[in-house]
N, C-alpha and C. Protein backbone atom coordinates (compact mmCIF):
# COMPACT_ATOMS: atom_id res chain seq x y z
N MET A 1 0.82 -1.19 0.00
CA MET A 1 0.00 0.00 0.00
C MET A 1 0.87 1.25 0.00
N SER A 2 2.05 1.17 0.63
CA SER A 2 2.94 2.32 0.67
C SER A 2 3.44 2.69 -0.73
N VAL A 3 3.68 1.69 -1.57
CA VAL A 3 4.13 1.96 -2.94
C VAL A 3 3.06 2.74 -3.69
N PHE A 4 1.82 2.42 -3.47
CA PHE A 4 0.72 3.17 -4.07
C PHE A 4 0.73 4.62 -3.61
N VAL A 5 0.94 4.84 -2.32
CA VAL A 5 1.00 6.20 -1.77
C VAL A 5 2.17 6.96 -2.39
N TRP A 6 3.33 6.33 -2.49
CA TRP A 6 4.49 7.00 -3.08
C TRP A 6 4.22 7.37 -4.54
N SER A 7 3.57 6.47 -5.27
CA SER A 7 3.24 6.76 -6.67
C SER A 7 2.28 7.93 -6.79
N MET A 8 1.28 7.96 -5.94
CA MET A 8 0.32 9.06 -5.98
C MET A 8 0.97 10.40 -5.62
N VAL A 9 1.91 10.38 -4.69
CA VAL A 9 2.62 11.61 -4.32
C VAL A 9 3.45 12.09 -5.51
N GLY A 10 4.15 11.18 -6.20
CA GLY A 10 4.92 11.55 -7.38
C GLY A 10 4.05 12.14 -8.47
N ILE A 11 2.89 11.55 -8.70
CA ILE A 11 1.97 12.07 -9.72
C ILE A 11 1.43 13.43 -9.30
N ALA A 12 1.16 13.61 -8.02
CA ALA A 12 0.68 14.92 -7.54
C ALA A 12 1.75 15.99 -7.72
N ILE A 13 2.99 15.64 -7.43
CA ILE A 13 4.08 16.61 -7.61
C ILE A 13 4.29 16.93 -9.08
N TRP A 14 4.09 15.96 -9.94
CA TRP A 14 4.24 16.18 -11.39
C TRP A 14 3.31 17.29 -11.87
N HIS A 15 2.17 17.46 -11.26
CA HIS A 15 1.24 18.50 -11.68
C HIS A 15 1.81 19.90 -11.51
N PHE A 16 2.82 20.07 -10.69
CA PHE A 16 3.46 21.37 -10.55
C PHE A 16 4.31 21.73 -11.77
N ALA A 17 4.52 20.81 -12.67
CA ALA A 17 5.33 21.07 -13.87
C ALA A 17 4.67 22.09 -14.78
N VAL A 18 3.38 22.33 -14.64
CA VAL A 18 2.71 23.29 -15.51
C VAL A 18 3.07 24.74 -15.17
N PHE A 19 3.71 24.96 -14.03
CA PHE A 19 4.04 26.32 -13.62
C PHE A 19 5.37 26.81 -14.15
N VAL A 20 6.12 25.98 -14.83
CA VAL A 20 7.42 26.38 -15.39
C VAL A 20 7.42 26.09 -16.88
N PRO A 21 8.29 26.75 -17.65
CA PRO A 21 8.37 26.46 -19.09
C PRO A 21 8.74 25.00 -19.34
N ASP A 22 8.29 24.46 -20.43
CA ASP A 22 8.51 23.05 -20.74
C ASP A 22 9.92 22.84 -21.27
N ARG A 23 10.85 22.71 -20.37
CA ARG A 23 12.23 22.40 -20.73
C ARG A 23 12.66 21.08 -20.10
N PHE A 24 11.70 20.30 -19.68
CA PHE A 24 12.02 19.01 -19.07
C PHE A 24 12.59 18.08 -20.12
N TRP A 25 13.55 17.25 -19.71
CA TRP A 25 14.10 16.27 -20.62
C TRP A 25 13.01 15.25 -20.91
N GLY A 26 12.69 15.08 -22.18
CA GLY A 26 11.62 14.17 -22.56
C GLY A 26 10.25 14.82 -22.53
N GLY A 27 10.18 16.15 -22.34
CA GLY A 27 8.90 16.84 -22.34
C GLY A 27 8.09 16.55 -21.09
N ILE A 28 6.79 16.61 -21.23
CA ILE A 28 5.91 16.44 -20.08
C ILE A 28 5.91 14.98 -19.60
N ILE A 29 6.12 14.05 -20.52
CA ILE A 29 6.20 12.64 -20.13
C ILE A 29 7.48 12.38 -19.36
N GLY A 30 8.57 13.01 -19.77
CA GLY A 30 9.82 12.88 -19.02
C GLY A 30 9.69 13.45 -17.62
N ALA A 31 8.96 14.56 -17.49
CA ALA A 31 8.74 15.15 -16.16
C ALA A 31 7.90 14.20 -15.30
N PHE A 32 6.90 13.58 -15.90
CA PHE A 32 6.07 12.62 -15.18
C PHE A 32 6.92 11.47 -14.65
N LEU A 33 7.73 10.88 -15.53
CA LEU A 33 8.54 9.74 -15.12
C LEU A 33 9.57 10.13 -14.06
N ALA A 34 10.15 11.33 -14.19
CA ALA A 34 11.15 11.77 -13.21
C ALA A 34 10.52 11.97 -11.84
N ALA A 35 9.36 12.62 -11.78
CA ALA A 35 8.69 12.85 -10.49
C ALA A 35 8.23 11.52 -9.88
N TRP A 36 7.71 10.66 -10.69
CA TRP A 36 7.22 9.37 -10.20
C TRP A 36 8.37 8.51 -9.68
N ALA A 37 9.44 8.40 -10.47
CA ALA A 37 10.58 7.58 -10.06
C ALA A 37 11.27 8.16 -8.83
N GLY A 38 11.39 9.49 -8.77
CA GLY A 38 12.01 10.12 -7.60
C GLY A 38 11.20 9.87 -6.34
N ALA A 39 9.89 9.96 -6.45
CA ALA A 39 9.04 9.72 -5.29
C ALA A 39 9.14 8.25 -4.84
N LEU A 40 9.17 7.33 -5.77
CA LEU A 40 9.32 5.92 -5.41
C LEU A 40 10.67 5.67 -4.75
N LEU A 41 11.71 6.30 -5.29
CA LEU A 41 13.05 6.07 -4.75
C LEU A 41 13.18 6.57 -3.32
N THR A 42 12.78 7.81 -3.06
CA THR A 42 12.93 8.32 -1.69
C THR A 42 11.91 7.71 -0.76
N GLY A 43 10.75 7.35 -1.26
CA GLY A 43 9.79 6.66 -0.41
C GLY A 43 10.32 5.33 0.06
N TYR A 44 11.06 4.66 -0.81
CA TYR A 44 11.63 3.37 -0.45
C TYR A 44 12.85 3.53 0.49
N LEU A 45 13.68 4.54 0.20
CA LEU A 45 14.94 4.69 0.95
C LEU A 45 14.80 5.40 2.28
N LEU A 46 13.83 6.30 2.42
CA LEU A 46 13.70 7.10 3.65
C LEU A 46 12.53 6.61 4.49
N PRO A 47 12.55 6.67 5.75
CA PRO A 47 13.63 6.97 6.68
C PRO A 47 14.60 5.81 6.80
N GLU A 48 14.20 4.60 6.43
CA GLU A 48 15.12 3.47 6.39
C GLU A 48 14.71 2.64 5.17
N PRO A 49 15.68 2.04 4.47
CA PRO A 49 15.36 1.31 3.24
C PRO A 49 14.37 0.17 3.46
N GLY A 50 13.43 0.07 2.55
CA GLY A 50 12.45 -1.01 2.60
C GLY A 50 11.03 -0.49 2.55
N VAL A 51 10.12 -1.40 2.40
CA VAL A 51 8.69 -1.08 2.39
C VAL A 51 8.18 -1.19 3.81
N PRO A 52 7.54 -0.15 4.35
CA PRO A 52 7.04 -0.22 5.72
C PRO A 52 5.99 -1.32 5.88
N LYS A 53 5.98 -1.91 7.02
CA LYS A 53 5.06 -3.02 7.29
C LYS A 53 3.68 -2.54 7.75
N ARG A 54 3.61 -1.27 8.19
CA ARG A 54 2.32 -0.77 8.69
C ARG A 54 1.29 -0.71 7.56
N ASN A 55 0.10 -1.10 7.90
CA ASN A 55 -0.99 -0.99 6.94
C ASN A 55 -2.23 -0.55 7.69
N PRO A 56 -2.88 0.51 7.38
CA PRO A 56 -2.63 1.42 6.26
C PRO A 56 -1.46 2.34 6.54
N PRO A 57 -0.81 2.82 5.47
CA PRO A 57 0.33 3.71 5.66
C PRO A 57 -0.12 5.05 6.24
N GLY A 58 0.77 5.67 6.97
CA GLY A 58 0.45 6.95 7.59
C GLY A 58 0.90 8.12 6.72
N VAL A 59 0.82 9.30 7.29
CA VAL A 59 1.21 10.52 6.60
C VAL A 59 2.71 10.53 6.34
N GLY A 60 3.46 9.89 7.21
CA GLY A 60 4.92 9.84 7.05
C GLY A 60 5.35 9.25 5.73
N GLU A 61 4.67 8.21 5.29
CA GLU A 61 5.02 7.60 4.00
C GLU A 61 4.82 8.58 2.86
N ALA A 62 3.79 9.38 2.93
CA ALA A 62 3.55 10.39 1.89
C ALA A 62 4.60 11.50 1.95
N LEU A 63 4.98 11.90 3.16
CA LEU A 63 5.95 12.99 3.29
C LEU A 63 7.34 12.58 2.83
N TRP A 64 7.74 11.32 3.08
CA TRP A 64 9.07 10.88 2.68
C TRP A 64 9.20 10.77 1.17
N ALA A 65 8.12 10.68 0.44
CA ALA A 65 8.19 10.60 -1.02
C ALA A 65 8.33 11.96 -1.69
N MET A 66 8.00 13.03 -0.96
CA MET A 66 8.00 14.36 -1.57
C MET A 66 9.37 14.86 -2.01
N PRO A 67 10.43 14.73 -1.21
CA PRO A 67 11.72 15.24 -1.67
C PRO A 67 12.19 14.59 -2.98
N GLY A 68 11.95 13.32 -3.13
CA GLY A 68 12.35 12.64 -4.35
C GLY A 68 11.57 13.10 -5.56
N GLY A 69 10.27 13.34 -5.39
CA GLY A 69 9.47 13.84 -6.50
C GLY A 69 9.95 15.19 -6.98
N PHE A 70 10.21 16.10 -6.03
CA PHE A 70 10.71 17.42 -6.40
C PHE A 70 12.12 17.34 -6.97
N ALA A 71 12.96 16.48 -6.40
CA ALA A 71 14.32 16.33 -6.90
C ALA A 71 14.32 15.74 -8.32
N GLY A 72 13.44 14.80 -8.58
CA GLY A 72 13.33 14.23 -9.92
C GLY A 72 12.90 15.28 -10.94
N LEU A 73 11.91 16.10 -10.57
CA LEU A 73 11.49 17.18 -11.47
C LEU A 73 12.62 18.17 -11.70
N ALA A 74 13.32 18.55 -10.64
CA ALA A 74 14.42 19.50 -10.77
C ALA A 74 15.54 18.95 -11.65
N ALA A 75 15.87 17.68 -11.47
CA ALA A 75 16.93 17.07 -12.28
C ALA A 75 16.53 16.99 -13.74
N SER A 76 15.29 16.61 -14.00
CA SER A 76 14.81 16.53 -15.38
C SER A 76 14.79 17.90 -16.04
N TYR A 77 14.39 18.92 -15.27
CA TYR A 77 14.36 20.28 -15.81
C TYR A 77 15.78 20.79 -16.07
N ALA A 78 16.69 20.58 -15.13
CA ALA A 78 18.06 21.06 -15.29
C ALA A 78 18.74 20.40 -16.48
N TYR A 79 18.59 19.09 -16.61
CA TYR A 79 19.20 18.39 -17.73
C TYR A 79 18.57 18.81 -19.05
N GLY A 80 17.25 18.94 -19.08
CA GLY A 80 16.57 19.37 -20.30
C GLY A 80 16.94 20.78 -20.71
N ALA A 81 17.06 21.69 -19.75
CA ALA A 81 17.45 23.08 -20.06
C ALA A 81 18.90 23.11 -20.56
N TRP A 82 19.77 22.34 -19.93
CA TRP A 82 21.16 22.28 -20.37
C TRP A 82 21.26 21.72 -21.78
N ARG A 83 20.48 20.67 -22.05
CA ARG A 83 20.51 20.05 -23.38
C ARG A 83 19.95 20.96 -24.46
N SER A 84 18.90 21.71 -24.13
CA SER A 84 18.31 22.58 -25.14
C SER A 84 19.22 23.77 -25.45
N GLU A 85 20.05 24.18 -24.48
CA GLU A 85 20.99 25.27 -24.74
C GLU A 85 22.19 24.79 -25.56
N SER A 86 22.57 23.53 -25.41
CA SER A 86 23.74 23.03 -26.12
C SER A 86 23.42 22.58 -27.54
N GLN A 87 22.15 22.48 -27.89
CA GLN A 87 21.75 22.07 -29.23
C GLN A 87 21.17 23.25 -29.98
N PRO A 88 21.17 23.20 -31.32
CA PRO A 88 20.56 24.28 -32.08
C PRO A 88 19.07 24.38 -31.80
N ARG A 89 18.53 25.56 -31.97
CA ARG A 89 17.12 25.80 -31.70
C ARG A 89 16.25 24.89 -32.56
N GLY A 90 15.26 24.29 -31.95
CA GLY A 90 14.35 23.41 -32.66
C GLY A 90 14.79 21.95 -32.65
N ALA A 91 16.02 21.67 -32.24
CA ALA A 91 16.50 20.30 -32.21
C ALA A 91 16.35 19.70 -30.83
N GLY A 92 15.72 20.43 -29.92
CA GLY A 92 15.64 20.11 -28.51
C GLY A 92 15.23 18.72 -28.14
N MET A 93 14.07 18.57 -27.55
CA MET A 93 13.71 17.33 -26.88
C MET A 93 12.58 16.59 -27.56
N ARG A 94 12.41 16.79 -28.84
CA ARG A 94 11.34 16.09 -29.54
C ARG A 94 11.66 14.60 -29.59
N LEU A 95 10.73 13.79 -29.18
CA LEU A 95 10.93 12.35 -29.24
C LEU A 95 10.69 11.83 -30.65
N PHE A 96 9.80 12.48 -31.39
CA PHE A 96 9.50 12.09 -32.75
C PHE A 96 9.85 13.24 -33.67
N LYS A 97 10.80 13.02 -34.55
CA LYS A 97 11.25 14.07 -35.46
C LYS A 97 10.27 14.18 -36.63
N ARG A 98 10.04 15.41 -37.05
CA ARG A 98 9.19 15.63 -38.22
C ARG A 98 9.95 15.31 -39.48
N ARG A 99 9.25 14.75 -40.43
CA ARG A 99 9.87 14.48 -41.72
C ARG A 99 9.94 15.76 -42.53
N LYS A 100 10.86 15.76 -43.46
CA LYS A 100 10.95 16.91 -44.35
C LYS A 100 9.74 16.87 -45.29
N SER A 101 9.36 18.04 -45.78
CA SER A 101 8.21 18.09 -46.68
C SER A 101 8.59 17.51 -48.04
N VAL A 102 7.61 17.03 -48.75
CA VAL A 102 7.82 16.41 -50.04
C VAL A 102 6.95 17.13 -51.07
N THR A 103 7.43 17.20 -52.31
CA THR A 103 6.67 17.86 -53.37
C THR A 103 5.61 16.88 -53.88
N VAL A 104 4.39 17.37 -53.97
CA VAL A 104 3.27 16.53 -54.41
C VAL A 104 2.55 17.17 -55.59
N LEU A 105 1.92 16.31 -56.38
CA LEU A 105 1.09 16.73 -57.50
C LEU A 105 -0.22 15.95 -57.45
N PRO A 106 -1.31 16.53 -57.93
CA PRO A 106 -2.57 15.78 -57.93
C PRO A 106 -2.60 14.74 -59.05
N CYS A 107 -3.26 13.63 -58.77
CA CYS A 107 -3.47 12.61 -59.79
C CYS A 107 -4.40 13.19 -60.86
N PRO A 108 -4.10 12.98 -62.17
CA PRO A 108 -4.97 13.53 -63.23
C PRO A 108 -6.36 12.91 -63.25
N GLU A 109 -6.53 11.72 -62.68
CA GLU A 109 -7.82 11.04 -62.70
C GLU A 109 -8.71 11.39 -61.51
N CYS A 110 -8.14 11.32 -60.30
CA CYS A 110 -8.98 11.47 -59.11
C CYS A 110 -8.59 12.66 -58.23
N SER A 111 -7.55 13.39 -58.58
CA SER A 111 -7.07 14.57 -57.86
C SER A 111 -6.49 14.25 -56.49
N GLN A 112 -6.17 12.99 -56.23
CA GLN A 112 -5.50 12.61 -54.99
C GLN A 112 -4.07 13.14 -55.04
N LEU A 113 -3.59 13.76 -53.95
CA LEU A 113 -2.23 14.26 -53.92
C LEU A 113 -1.26 13.10 -53.81
N MET A 114 -0.30 13.06 -54.73
CA MET A 114 0.69 11.98 -54.77
C MET A 114 2.07 12.58 -54.87
N PRO A 115 3.11 11.92 -54.30
CA PRO A 115 4.47 12.41 -54.45
C PRO A 115 4.87 12.45 -55.91
N VAL A 116 5.77 13.35 -56.26
CA VAL A 116 6.17 13.53 -57.65
C VAL A 116 6.79 12.25 -58.20
N ASP A 117 7.50 11.50 -57.39
CA ASP A 117 8.16 10.29 -57.88
C ASP A 117 7.28 9.04 -57.86
N ALA A 118 5.99 9.18 -57.55
CA ALA A 118 5.08 8.03 -57.54
C ALA A 118 4.82 7.56 -58.96
N THR A 119 4.67 6.24 -59.13
CA THR A 119 4.42 5.68 -60.46
C THR A 119 2.96 5.30 -60.66
N GLU A 120 2.22 5.12 -59.57
CA GLU A 120 0.83 4.71 -59.66
C GLU A 120 0.04 5.37 -58.54
N CYS A 121 -1.18 5.79 -58.83
CA CYS A 121 -2.02 6.44 -57.83
C CYS A 121 -2.53 5.39 -56.84
N ASP A 122 -2.42 5.68 -55.56
CA ASP A 122 -2.89 4.75 -54.54
C ASP A 122 -4.41 4.65 -54.51
N MET A 123 -5.07 5.72 -54.90
CA MET A 123 -6.52 5.78 -54.80
C MET A 123 -7.22 5.10 -55.99
N CYS A 124 -6.85 5.52 -57.21
CA CYS A 124 -7.57 5.01 -58.38
C CYS A 124 -6.75 4.06 -59.23
N GLY A 125 -5.46 3.93 -58.97
CA GLY A 125 -4.61 3.02 -59.73
C GLY A 125 -4.14 3.57 -61.06
N ALA A 126 -4.32 4.86 -61.32
CA ALA A 126 -3.90 5.45 -62.60
C ALA A 126 -2.38 5.41 -62.72
N ASP A 127 -1.91 5.21 -63.96
CA ASP A 127 -0.48 5.19 -64.22
C ASP A 127 0.02 6.64 -64.25
N LEU A 128 0.97 6.95 -63.37
CA LEU A 128 1.46 8.32 -63.25
C LEU A 128 2.82 8.51 -63.92
N ARG A 129 3.33 7.48 -64.58
CA ARG A 129 4.63 7.62 -65.23
C ARG A 129 4.56 8.56 -66.42
N GLU A 130 3.44 8.60 -67.08
CA GLU A 130 3.28 9.47 -68.24
C GLU A 130 2.37 10.62 -67.85
N ARG A 131 2.96 11.68 -67.46
CA ARG A 131 2.19 12.88 -67.12
C ARG A 131 2.37 13.88 -68.25
N ASP A 132 1.70 13.59 -69.37
CA ASP A 132 1.84 14.45 -70.55
C ASP A 132 1.08 15.75 -70.38
N ARG A 133 0.01 15.70 -69.61
CA ARG A 133 -0.77 16.92 -69.44
C ARG A 133 0.01 17.92 -68.61
N PRO A 134 -0.17 19.19 -68.89
CA PRO A 134 0.51 20.18 -68.05
C PRO A 134 -0.02 20.11 -66.63
N ALA A 135 0.88 19.89 -65.72
CA ALA A 135 0.50 19.76 -64.31
C ALA A 135 0.46 21.13 -63.66
N PRO A 136 -0.40 21.28 -62.68
CA PRO A 136 -0.40 22.56 -61.94
C PRO A 136 0.90 22.70 -61.16
N GLU A 137 1.10 23.87 -60.61
CA GLU A 137 2.30 24.15 -59.82
C GLU A 137 2.41 23.14 -58.69
N PRO A 138 3.61 22.58 -58.49
CA PRO A 138 3.77 21.68 -57.33
C PRO A 138 3.58 22.43 -56.03
N SER A 139 3.00 21.74 -55.07
CA SER A 139 2.79 22.36 -53.77
C SER A 139 3.54 21.55 -52.71
N GLU A 140 3.94 22.23 -51.67
CA GLU A 140 4.64 21.58 -50.57
C GLU A 140 3.61 21.08 -49.57
N ALA A 141 3.70 19.81 -49.23
CA ALA A 141 2.79 19.23 -48.24
C ALA A 141 3.60 18.32 -47.34
N PRO A 142 3.26 18.28 -46.06
CA PRO A 142 4.00 17.37 -45.18
C PRO A 142 3.72 15.93 -45.53
N ARG A 143 4.70 15.12 -45.35
CA ARG A 143 4.56 13.71 -45.70
C ARG A 143 3.83 12.96 -44.63
């Protein structure tokens, strides 16, 4: 039951992350994991290592988890801020990188947007290797 209390304290502390700019390593999910893991760690280690035998847990179990939750958030924020300053702007902490945009043209049969190097339309199956008709201006669209 104490582990549940420590987890809830870490999650409660994580909610304080909305009061500072998002420079946490791993974004808001990284802040969540840091606060949760820190609360579990100090809850387990303080005041003496181990899971308390008392059931139900008292207020002490909740209080011992708080320093770890705040320390985890602080460490995640400090590392994320340091990393974002050492990297070029925009390369920061994105877990999923955006793809570069690709040039697309509409299919002459169904007007489905297809990459310029496509040989067949995915929608109608038209052969796109022979684009004899004058095509409209290519437009940039995310892939």
